[in-house]
Protein backbone atom coordinates (compact mmCIF):
# COMPACT_ATOMS: atom_id res chain seq x y z
CA MET A 1 112.23 67.74 104.63
CA THR A 2 111.53 64.74 106.82
CA SER A 3 110.70 64.93 110.50
CA ASP A 4 114.12 63.58 111.51
CA GLN A 5 116.03 66.31 109.67
CA ARG A 6 117.45 68.81 112.11
CA VAL A 7 116.68 72.47 111.44
CA VAL A 8 118.61 74.99 113.53
CA VAL A 9 117.48 78.62 113.43
CA ILE A 10 119.86 81.29 114.74
CA GLY A 11 117.69 84.15 115.92
CA GLY A 12 114.63 84.16 118.17
CA GLY A 13 112.94 87.21 116.70
CA LEU A 14 109.93 87.62 114.43
CA ALA A 15 111.40 85.83 111.40
CA GLY A 16 112.93 82.87 113.23
CA LEU A 17 109.88 82.15 115.35
CA ARG A 18 107.50 82.53 112.41
CA LEU A 19 109.50 79.91 110.53
CA ALA A 20 109.42 77.52 113.50
CA GLN A 21 105.67 78.04 113.79
CA ARG A 22 105.12 77.35 110.10
CA LEU A 23 107.22 74.17 110.17
CA GLY A 24 105.05 72.92 113.01
CA PRO A 25 105.61 70.71 116.06
CA ALA A 26 106.43 67.64 113.98
CA ALA A 27 109.64 69.23 112.67
CA ALA A 28 112.92 68.82 114.54
CA VAL A 29 113.53 72.56 115.00
CA THR A 30 115.83 74.31 117.45
CA VAL A 31 115.81 78.11 117.72
CA LEU A 32 118.79 79.82 119.34
CA GLY A 33 117.68 83.15 120.82
CA GLU A 34 120.38 85.47 122.14
CA GLU A 35 118.06 87.64 124.24
CA THR A 36 116.90 86.45 127.65
CA HIS A 37 113.51 88.16 127.34
CA ALA A 38 110.49 86.25 126.17
CA PRO A 39 110.20 86.84 122.39
CA TYR A 40 108.59 90.16 121.55
CA ASN A 41 107.41 92.24 118.60
CA ARG A 42 110.09 94.87 118.04
CA VAL A 43 107.64 97.05 116.11
CA LEU A 44 105.84 97.84 119.39
CA LEU A 45 108.86 99.06 121.36
CA ALA A 46 107.97 102.71 120.77
CA GLU A 47 104.58 102.07 122.39
CA VAL A 48 106.32 100.57 125.42
CA LEU A 49 108.65 103.57 125.63
CA ALA A 50 105.67 105.93 125.38
CA GLY A 51 104.04 104.15 128.32
CA ARG A 52 101.03 103.04 126.29
CA TYR A 53 101.86 99.31 126.41
CA ALA A 54 103.36 97.17 129.12
CA PRO A 55 106.31 95.08 127.88
CA GLU A 56 104.28 91.87 128.10
CA VAL A 57 101.81 93.22 125.51
CA THR A 58 104.55 92.93 122.87
CA ALA A 59 104.97 89.18 123.42
CA LEU A 60 104.97 86.93 120.37
CA PRO A 61 103.11 83.58 120.48
CA ALA A 62 104.88 81.22 122.90
CA PRO A 63 107.32 79.12 120.86
CA GLY A 64 107.53 76.31 123.39
CA PRO A 65 110.60 74.10 123.87
CA VAL A 66 112.01 74.74 120.38
CA LEU A 67 113.46 78.05 121.67
CA ARG A 68 116.64 78.19 123.72
CA ARG A 69 116.70 81.66 125.29
CA GLY A 70 119.86 83.47 126.28
CA VAL A 71 122.08 81.39 123.99
CA ARG A 72 124.35 83.12 121.49
CA ALA A 73 125.74 81.33 118.45
CA VAL A 74 129.44 82.15 118.15
CA ARG A 75 130.64 80.00 115.23
CA VAL A 76 129.26 77.94 112.37
CA ASP A 77 131.30 74.90 111.28
CA ARG A 78 129.99 74.19 107.80
CA ALA A 79 132.11 71.08 107.29
CA GLU A 80 130.77 69.41 110.43
CA ARG A 81 127.34 71.09 110.20
CA VAL A 82 127.57 72.31 113.77
CA VAL A 83 126.77 75.60 115.48
CA HIS A 84 128.96 76.41 118.49
CA CYS A 85 127.27 78.42 121.26
CA ASP A 86 128.62 80.71 123.97
CA ASP A 87 127.53 78.34 126.75
CA GLY A 88 129.80 75.61 125.39
CA THR A 89 127.03 73.58 123.76
CA VAL A 90 126.75 72.69 120.10
CA ALA A 91 123.71 72.36 117.86
CA ARG A 92 123.98 69.97 114.93
CA TYR A 93 122.00 70.72 111.81
CA ASP A 94 120.95 69.32 108.49
CA THR A 95 119.51 72.72 107.55
CA LEU A 96 120.69 75.97 109.12
CA VAL A 97 118.68 79.20 108.97
CA LEU A 98 120.28 82.55 109.78
CA ALA A 99 117.69 84.95 111.18
CA THR A 100 120.22 87.09 113.02
CA GLY A 101 118.44 90.40 112.42
CA SER A 102 120.26 93.70 112.60
CA ASN A 103 122.13 95.95 115.01
CA ALA A 104 121.64 99.62 115.71
CA VAL A 105 124.14 101.81 113.87
CA LEU A 106 126.43 103.67 116.25
CA PRO A 107 127.67 106.74 114.37
CA PRO A 108 131.34 107.84 114.49
CA LEU A 109 130.77 110.73 116.89
CA ARG A 110 133.55 112.38 118.82
CA GLY A 111 133.21 111.50 122.49
CA LEU A 112 130.94 108.50 121.93
CA PHE A 113 133.65 106.07 123.01
CA GLU A 114 136.83 106.51 124.96
CA PRO A 115 140.09 105.36 123.28
CA GLU A 116 140.06 101.56 123.09
CA GLY A 117 136.68 101.55 124.85
CA ARG A 118 133.29 100.26 123.68
CA GLU A 119 131.08 101.47 126.55
CA LEU A 120 128.55 104.20 125.83
CA PRO A 121 128.45 107.17 128.20
CA ASP A 122 125.70 107.05 130.78
CA GLY A 123 122.59 108.66 129.30
CA VAL A 124 123.35 107.55 125.71
CA HIS A 125 121.04 104.87 124.38
CA ALA A 126 120.52 102.91 121.21
CA PHE A 127 116.88 102.06 120.48
CA ARG A 128 116.70 98.60 119.03
CA THR A 129 116.03 95.93 121.68
CA MET A 130 113.78 95.49 124.70
CA ASP A 131 116.80 96.08 126.94
CA ASP A 132 117.45 99.36 125.09
CA CYS A 133 113.82 100.34 125.55
CA LEU A 134 113.69 99.54 129.26
CA ALA A 135 116.99 101.28 130.00
CA LEU A 136 115.86 104.39 128.15
CA SER A 137 112.49 104.34 129.88
CA ALA A 138 114.19 104.14 133.29
CA ALA A 139 116.22 107.27 132.47
CA LEU A 140 113.16 109.41 131.73
CA ARG A 141 111.31 111.88 133.91
CA PRO A 142 109.13 114.89 133.03
CA GLY A 143 111.28 117.73 131.73
CA VAL A 144 114.37 115.63 131.01
CA ARG A 145 116.33 117.05 128.07
CA ALA A 146 116.50 114.44 125.31
CA VAL A 147 118.23 114.68 121.93
CA VAL A 148 117.33 112.13 119.25
CA ILE A 149 119.95 111.74 116.52
CA GLY A 150 118.32 110.54 113.31
CA GLY A 151 115.05 111.56 111.69
CA GLY A 152 114.10 108.33 109.95
CA LEU A 153 111.32 105.95 110.95
CA LEU A 154 113.16 104.83 114.08
CA GLY A 155 114.04 108.37 115.17
CA VAL A 156 110.54 109.72 114.61
CA SER A 157 109.04 106.81 116.57
CA ALA A 158 111.43 107.41 119.47
CA THR A 159 110.82 111.17 119.37
CA ARG A 160 107.07 110.99 119.71
CA ALA A 161 107.40 108.37 122.49
CA LEU A 162 109.76 110.61 124.45
CA ALA A 163 107.44 113.59 123.97
CA ALA A 164 104.54 111.49 125.28
CA ARG A 165 106.58 110.85 128.44
CA GLY A 166 107.00 114.58 129.06
CA ALA A 167 110.60 114.93 127.89
CA GLN A 168 111.90 118.11 126.25
CA VAL A 169 112.88 116.61 122.90
CA VAL A 170 115.19 117.88 120.19
CA LEU A 171 115.34 115.88 116.95
CA ALA A 172 118.50 116.25 114.84
CA GLN A 173 118.22 115.04 111.24
CA GLN A 174 121.11 115.19 108.78
CA GLY A 175 118.89 115.04 105.70
CA GLU A 176 116.68 117.71 104.19
CA HIS A 177 113.47 116.38 105.68
CA LEU A 178 112.12 113.77 108.07
CA MET A 179 111.68 110.14 107.00
CA GLU A 180 113.34 110.71 103.64
CA ARG A 181 113.14 107.03 102.69
CA GLN A 182 109.34 106.94 103.00
CA LEU A 183 108.03 110.48 102.57
CA ASP A 184 108.27 113.26 100.03
CA ALA A 185 108.84 116.88 101.06
CA GLY A 186 105.13 117.72 101.29
CA ALA A 187 104.25 114.82 103.55
CA SER A 188 107.36 115.41 105.64
CA ALA A 189 106.31 119.04 106.18
CA LEU A 190 103.03 117.87 107.73
CA LEU A 191 104.94 115.43 109.92
CA HIS A 192 107.28 118.25 110.94
CA THR A 193 104.30 120.40 111.94
CA HIS A 194 102.75 117.56 113.93
CA LEU A 195 105.89 116.85 115.92
CA THR A 196 106.39 120.55 116.57
CA SER A 197 102.86 120.71 117.97
CA LEU A 198 103.94 118.08 120.51
CA GLY A 199 106.69 120.42 121.71
CA VAL A 200 109.52 118.83 119.72
CA GLU A 201 112.32 121.07 118.47
CA ILE A 202 113.49 119.88 115.04
CA HIS A 203 116.78 120.58 113.27
CA THR A 204 117.06 119.31 109.67
CA GLU A 205 120.15 119.45 107.43
CA CYS A 206 121.98 119.23 110.72
CA ARG A 207 125.08 117.09 111.19
CA VAL A 208 126.03 116.00 114.70
CA ARG A 209 129.76 116.19 115.28
CA GLY A 210 130.15 114.79 118.78
CA LEU A 211 129.04 114.46 122.38
CA THR A 212 130.17 116.30 125.47
CA THR A 213 130.50 114.33 128.68
CA SER A 214 131.48 114.74 132.32
CA ALA A 215 132.32 112.29 135.08
CA ALA A 216 129.17 110.87 136.64
CA ARG A 217 128.76 111.34 140.39
CA GLY A 218 127.64 107.78 141.07
CA SER A 219 124.43 106.28 142.30
CA GLY A 220 124.47 108.42 145.44
CA GLY A 221 124.85 111.72 143.56
CA SER A 222 122.29 113.97 141.99
CA ALA A 223 123.21 113.46 138.36
CA PRO A 224 120.16 112.44 136.34
CA GLY A 225 119.95 108.95 134.95
CA ASN A 226 119.81 105.43 136.25
CA GLY A 227 122.66 105.33 138.78
CA ALA A 228 125.97 105.34 136.91
CA ALA A 229 129.02 103.91 138.60
CA LEU A 230 131.46 106.40 140.11
CA GLY A 231 133.79 107.77 137.46
CA GLN A 232 131.69 106.64 134.49
CA ARG A 233 131.20 109.29 131.85
CA ARG A 234 127.80 110.96 131.61
CA VAL A 235 126.52 112.75 128.54
CA THR A 236 125.92 116.48 128.98
CA GLY A 237 125.32 117.68 125.45
CA VAL A 238 125.44 117.23 121.68
CA GLU A 239 127.75 119.28 119.46
CA LEU A 240 126.57 120.15 115.94
CA ALA A 241 128.92 120.66 112.99
CA ASP A 242 128.16 124.39 112.92
CA GLY A 243 129.41 124.74 116.49
CA TYR A 244 125.97 124.94 118.12
CA ARG A 245 125.58 122.87 121.29
CA LEU A 246 122.43 121.19 122.56
CA ASP A 247 122.22 120.46 126.28
CA ALA A 248 121.18 116.86 126.90
CA ASP A 249 120.49 114.55 129.82
CA VAL A 250 119.59 111.72 127.43
CA VAL A 251 120.77 111.04 123.87
CA VAL A 252 119.04 108.47 121.65
CA LEU A 253 121.02 107.06 118.70
CA ALA A 254 118.44 106.37 116.00
CA CYS A 255 120.76 106.39 112.99
CA GLY A 256 119.40 103.27 111.35
CA VAL A 257 120.28 99.61 111.54
CA ARG A 258 122.87 97.35 109.93
CA PRO A 259 122.32 93.65 109.10
CA ARG A 260 124.09 91.26 111.45
CA THR A 261 126.33 89.31 109.10
CA GLY A 262 129.33 88.46 111.29
CA LEU A 263 128.53 84.75 111.66
CA ALA A 264 127.94 84.41 107.93
CA GLN A 265 131.15 86.22 107.01
CA ALA A 266 133.20 84.13 109.42
CA ALA A 267 131.66 80.98 107.91
CA GLY A 268 132.70 82.06 104.41
CA LEU A 269 129.21 82.79 103.05
CA GLU A 270 128.68 85.49 100.43
CA VAL A 271 127.86 88.80 102.11
CA ARG A 272 127.29 92.20 100.48
CA LYS A 273 124.89 94.58 102.21
CA GLY A 274 123.37 91.51 103.85
CA ILE A 275 123.69 87.74 103.57
CA VAL A 276 123.06 87.06 99.88
CA VAL A 277 120.19 84.65 99.17
CA ASP A 278 118.51 83.34 96.02
CA ASP A 279 114.82 82.90 95.22
CA HIS A 280 114.68 79.92 97.59
CA LEU A 281 116.36 82.00 100.31
CA ARG A 282 119.50 79.85 100.07
CA THR A 283 122.89 81.34 100.79
CA SER A 284 126.04 80.41 98.88
CA ASP A 285 125.95 77.17 100.94
CA PRO A 286 122.77 75.29 99.86
CA ARG A 287 122.32 73.87 103.37
CA ILE A 288 122.16 77.33 104.89
CA HIS A 289 119.34 79.85 104.40
CA ALA A 290 118.85 83.41 105.61
CA ILE A 291 115.67 85.38 106.30
CA GLY A 292 114.65 88.68 107.85
CA ASP A 293 116.72 91.78 108.45
CA CYS A 294 120.04 90.02 107.81
CA ALA A 295 119.12 88.70 104.34
CA GLU A 296 119.78 90.39 101.00
CA HIS A 297 117.58 89.23 98.14
CA ASP A 298 118.03 90.59 94.64
CA GLY A 299 120.13 93.44 96.01
CA GLN A 300 117.50 94.45 98.59
CA VAL A 301 117.73 94.38 102.38
CA TYR A 302 114.26 95.21 103.66
CA GLY A 303 114.59 95.66 107.41
CA LEU A 304 110.81 95.53 107.78
CA ALA A 305 108.55 93.17 109.70
CA GLY A 306 106.34 92.44 106.70
CA ALA A 307 109.26 91.24 104.61
CA ALA A 308 110.58 89.09 107.47
CA LEU A 309 107.24 87.33 107.80
CA GLU A 310 106.91 86.79 104.03
CA GLN A 311 110.41 85.33 103.86
CA ALA A 312 109.74 83.00 106.79
CA ASP A 313 106.55 81.76 105.13
CA ALA A 314 108.32 81.28 101.79
CA LEU A 315 111.16 79.35 103.39
CA ALA A 316 108.69 77.10 105.24
CA THR A 317 107.26 76.04 101.88
CA VAL A 318 110.77 75.41 100.55
CA LEU A 319 111.70 73.22 103.51
CA THR A 320 108.46 71.24 103.42
CA GLY A 321 108.91 70.30 99.77
CA ALA A 322 106.44 72.66 98.09
CA PRO A 323 108.75 75.47 97.02
CA ALA A 324 107.39 78.62 95.47
CA PRO A 325 110.07 81.16 94.56
CA TYR A 326 110.35 84.24 96.72
CA THR A 327 110.23 87.21 94.36
CA GLY A 328 110.58 90.03 96.86
CA THR A 329 108.29 91.97 99.18
CA ARG A 330 106.23 95.02 98.31
CA ALA A 331 106.57 96.79 101.62
CA LEU A 332 103.94 99.09 103.14
CA THR A 333 105.08 101.28 106.04
CA ARG A 334 102.45 102.29 108.60
CA LEU A 335 102.91 104.40 111.70
CA THR A 336 100.67 106.13 114.23
CA LEU A 337 102.18 109.23 115.82
CA GLY A 338 100.83 110.56 119.08
CA GLY A 339 97.99 109.36 121.25
CA ALA A 340 94.45 110.33 121.98
CA GLU A 341 95.55 112.95 124.51
CA ASN A 342 97.26 115.13 121.89
CA GLY A 343 95.72 114.02 118.63
CA SER A 344 97.27 111.25 116.57
CA LEU A 345 98.66 111.38 113.06
CA ASP A 346 98.42 108.21 110.99
CA LEU A 347 100.94 107.65 108.22
CA ALA A 348 101.29 105.12 105.41
CA ALA A 349 103.79 104.96 102.55
CA PHE A 350 104.45 102.36 99.88
CA GLY A 351 106.51 101.94 96.73
CA GLU A 352 108.17 104.89 95.04
CA THR A 353 106.96 108.12 96.60
CA THR A 354 109.25 110.36 94.52
CA ALA A 355 108.18 110.79 90.90
CA LEU A 356 110.56 110.33 87.97
CA PRO A 357 110.43 112.51 84.83
CA GLY A 358 107.34 111.53 82.85
CA ASP A 359 105.44 110.15 85.85
CA ASP A 360 101.98 111.42 86.68
CA VAL A 361 101.33 112.63 90.22
CA VAL A 362 97.98 113.14 91.90
CA ARG A 363 98.15 115.05 95.17
CA LEU A 364 95.37 116.07 97.58
CA ALA A 365 96.24 118.16 100.63
CA ASP A 366 94.15 119.77 103.35
CA ALA A 367 96.22 121.70 105.90
CA THR A 368 93.19 122.37 108.10
CA ARG A 369 92.38 118.70 108.49
CA ARG A 370 96.08 117.76 108.47
CA THR A 371 95.63 115.30 105.62
CA TYR A 372 97.89 114.63 102.67
CA ARG A 373 97.48 112.05 99.94
CA LYS A 374 99.71 111.52 96.94
CA VAL A 375 100.13 108.74 94.41
CA VAL A 376 102.67 108.28 91.63
CA VAL A 377 101.58 106.68 88.35
CA ARG A 378 104.06 105.43 85.75
CA GLY A 379 102.45 104.60 82.45
CA ASP A 380 99.23 102.90 83.53
CA ARG A 381 100.57 101.48 86.80
CA LEU A 382 100.43 102.80 90.34
CA VAL A 383 104.06 102.69 91.57
CA GLY A 384 103.83 104.36 94.98
CA GLY A 385 102.02 106.65 97.33
CA VAL A 386 102.00 108.34 100.69
CA LEU A 387 99.06 109.19 102.97
CA LEU A 388 98.98 111.18 106.19
CA GLY A 389 96.10 111.93 108.51
CA GLU A 390 93.46 109.72 106.94
CA LEU A 391 94.15 106.13 105.91
CA SER A 392 90.70 104.84 105.03
CA THR A 393 91.70 104.36 101.40
CA VAL A 394 95.13 102.82 101.97
CA GLY A 395 93.82 99.27 101.62
CA ALA A 396 92.40 99.84 98.14
CA LEU A 397 95.51 101.73 97.05
CA ALA A 398 97.84 99.05 98.37
CA ARG A 399 95.90 96.27 96.63
CA THR A 400 96.06 98.16 93.33
CA TRP A 401 99.80 98.71 93.78
CA GLU A 402 100.57 95.14 94.85
CA GLY A 403 98.52 93.67 92.02
CA GLY A 404 100.13 95.85 89.35
CA GLU A 405 96.67 96.90 88.21
CA ALA A 406 95.83 99.98 86.19
CA PRO A 407 94.01 102.45 88.48
CA HIS A 408 90.75 103.34 86.73
CA ASP A 409 89.74 106.27 88.92
CA LEU A 410 92.43 107.72 91.14
CA PHE A 411 90.07 110.16 92.85
CA HIS A 412 87.91 107.29 94.05
CA LEU A 413 91.02 105.48 95.23
CA LEU A 414 92.29 108.56 97.06
CA THR A 415 89.04 109.68 98.66
CA ASP A 416 85.93 108.24 100.20
CA ASP A 417 83.63 110.44 98.14
CA GLY A 418 85.09 110.34 94.66
CA GLY A 419 86.80 113.71 95.14
CA HIS A 420 83.60 115.69 95.74
C-alpha cells in the first residue's frame, strides 16, 4: 500500500480505530463512525452503568481527523469504489474495510413491539452502546425493579452493575446455567451463589414469553423512568412461559449480539454468520476486507475485543505489504464481578471448558474461599480451563494453552504452592 491509496474504514469502534492507528498518519485513511460520541471501549460499559467509571474513562486514544463522527454508511458501490453516506457525502476508496461490529439481539417477545412498530416500550433497554448505557443509567434509582433477560456474559455484566446501583434485580436465563458458553456447571454454580449474595434473584431454564405494558403518563406523571411522551407504552412486567409474571420498572435485553452484515449483503459480498473472510481478512471482493465482530473467519465469529484487535493488527500488516496469515484468535474471557464494597469475584475462561470422552480433567474447588479451578487436557495438550475467585495462575495457564505446550505439572499451573 502506498501513501496515496485511499483506505476507507466503516466503523469507528475498537477494530476500526486500531487499524487506523496501526496504518499510521502517513496513510490516507478515513474512518466513518456512526456514533456521535467520542470513541469508547465497549468492554467498560458495565463499569459506567455500575457508577464506577465516568463515561470519559472509557475513551479510546484520540483518532484525530481520520475519524468522521456521526456519519453512517448506507451503501457500497463496488463498481465505482464509493461509499455513500447518510449526510449525502461519498467516500472513495482503493481499499475498503468493514468494521461494522454487531447489534444487540432483540428477541421475538410478545408485546415488545406494536404492530408495524419498531419502538421499544419505555423502560425497555438494549445494552450494547454508550447511548444504551446512559439511557439505562438515567432510568435507575434505588429499589427500582429490573429484569435482565439473558444470562450470558452480557447479561451477567448488566446484572451485577444494576445490583451495584441498588436495583432489585431478577435475572432470567433460558439455559441450564449462567454463562454457558464460557463456564461449566461447577463454575456457574459459584457464579450463581455470588450473584445471589448481591441480592439478585435468578431463574434458569426459564423462557420469557412476553412483556406487559401500560400507557405511560408522560413527563409530568409519576410513572418511573426518564419522562416518556404521553401515550407511549411503558413496561410493567415480564411474562414467563410457565405463566409466572415478574413485575418490572426496567427490562434489559441481554440476549446476545448479531454481526452487522447488512451493508455487505446489499453489496453482494459472501455472508454466512458474519462477513466471510480468508486468512488475509479479504472478503469475496479482494478490495474489501472485514475485521472485528462482523467478520467470520474459518467459520468463527468471535465477538470479543481481543479478536478484534488481533484482526486489526493482522490486516495492518497485510495492507503495508508484509502479510502474515491470520490463523484465528485463541480467546481468553476475563470478568470482574462486584466491587470492593461487596466483595468481588474474578473470572477467567479459555478454550474448551467442557471435556469430551477420553479427556483428562483436573479440578480444584474451595467453597469457603469461593475459588474454582479446572483445566481440560486432551492427549498431552491443555485445551481449556476456567478459574473463579483467584486468577494468579491464569497467565501461566493461558501461555501453555496458547503455545500448545504439554503441561508438565498441572498442580503447579493451577496453584501458587504446587497443590500443597
